[in-house]
């Protein structure tokens, strides 16, 4: 499931609940984790290819 879709579902599930902010922060952290993991992989591949 795409991270954006998951965040949208969290917004629907939590609505105006006080826990919504925490749920959205958790979703944003997932996005950042994927970005960092992707960058690390691309950097390693570039090194192996002589970049």
C-alpha atoms as a PDB file:
ATOM      1  CA  UNK A   1       0.000   0.000   0.000  1.00  0.00           C
ATOM      2  CA  UNK A   2       1.308   3.408  -0.907  1.00  0.00           C
ATOM      3  CA  UNK A   3       2.236   5.623   2.011  1.00  0.00           C
ATOM      4  CA  UNK A   4      -0.010   8.442   0.814  1.00  0.00           C
ATOM      5  CA  UNK A   5      -2.980   6.099   0.565  1.00  0.00           C
ATOM      6  CA  UNK A   6      -2.249   4.821   4.058  1.00  0.00           C
ATOM      7  CA  UNK A   7      -2.204   8.380   5.436  1.00  0.00           C
ATOM      8  CA  UNK A   8      -5.510   9.101   3.715  1.00  0.00           C
ATOM      9  CA  UNK A   9      -7.016   6.019   5.322  1.00  0.00           C
ATOM     10  CA  UNK A  10      -5.685   7.115   8.718  1.00  0.00           C
ATOM     11  CA  UNK A  11      -7.389  10.484   8.262  1.00  0.00           C
ATOM     12  CA  UNK A  12     -10.662   8.726   7.472  1.00  0.00           C
ATOM     13  CA  UNK A  13     -10.270   6.347  10.410  1.00  0.00           C
ATOM     14  CA  UNK A  14      -9.268   8.877  13.069  1.00  0.00           C
ATOM     15  CA  UNK A  15     -11.276  11.878  11.826  1.00  0.00           C
ATOM     16  CA  UNK A  16     -11.191  14.570  14.509  1.00  0.00           C
ATOM     17  CA  UNK A  17      -9.716  12.265  17.146  1.00  0.00           C
ATOM     18  CA  UNK A  18      -6.755  13.597  19.126  1.00  0.00           C
ATOM     19  CA  UNK A  19      -4.719  10.628  17.913  1.00  0.00           C
ATOM     20  CA  UNK A  20      -4.899  11.833  14.293  1.00  0.00           C
ATOM     21  CA  UNK A  21      -1.785  14.005  14.630  1.00  0.00           C
ATOM     22  CA  UNK A  22       0.232  11.098  15.990  1.00  0.00           C
ATOM     23  CA  UNK A  23      -1.035   8.836  13.216  1.00  0.00           C
ATOM     24  CA  UNK A  24      -0.079  11.370  10.534  1.00  0.00           C
ATOM     25  CA  UNK A  25       3.371  11.839  12.061  1.00  0.00           C
ATOM     26  CA  UNK A  26       3.841   8.075  11.948  1.00  0.00           C
ATOM     27  CA  UNK A  27       2.822   8.093   8.281  1.00  0.00           C
ATOM     28  CA  UNK A  28       5.262  10.898   7.487  1.00  0.00           C
ATOM     29  CA  UNK A  29       8.051   8.991   9.242  1.00  0.00           C
ATOM     30  CA  UNK A  30       7.348   5.998   7.004  1.00  0.00           C
ATOM     31  CA  UNK A  31       7.698   8.207   3.936  1.00  0.00           C
ATOM     32  CA  UNK A  32      11.029   9.563   5.201  1.00  0.00           C
ATOM     33  CA  UNK A  33      12.251   6.047   5.986  1.00  0.00           C
ATOM     34  CA  UNK A  34      11.520   4.939   2.417  1.00  0.00           C
ATOM     35  CA  UNK A  35      13.249   8.015   0.993  1.00  0.00           C
ATOM     36  CA  UNK A  36      16.362   7.421   3.095  1.00  0.00           C
ATOM     37  CA  UNK A  37      16.448   3.709   2.210  1.00  0.00           C
ATOM     38  CA  UNK A  38      16.088   4.515  -1.497  1.00  0.00           C
ATOM     39  CA  UNK A  39      18.829   7.133  -1.371  1.00  0.00           C
ATOM     40  CA  UNK A  40      21.163   4.702   0.413  1.00  0.00           C
ATOM     41  CA  UNK A  41      20.543   2.007  -2.179  1.00  0.00           C
ATOM     42  CA  UNK A  42      21.072   4.371  -5.117  1.00  0.00           C
ATOM     43  CA  UNK A  43      24.253   5.698  -3.549  1.00  0.00           C
ATOM     44  CA  UNK A  44      25.617   2.163  -3.079  1.00  0.00           C
ATOM     45  CA  UNK A  45      24.772   1.234  -6.680  1.00  0.00           C
ATOM     46  CA  UNK A  46      26.469   4.386  -7.956  1.00  0.00           C
ATOM     47  CA  UNK A  47      29.626   3.524  -6.017  1.00  0.00           C
ATOM     48  CA  UNK A  48      29.652   0.000  -7.423  1.00  0.00           C
ATOM     49  CA  UNK A  49      29.252   1.390 -10.940  1.00  0.00           C
ATOM     50  CA  UNK A  50      32.175   3.749 -10.394  1.00  0.00           C
ATOM     51  CA  UNK A  51      30.152   6.920  -9.853  1.00  0.00           C
END
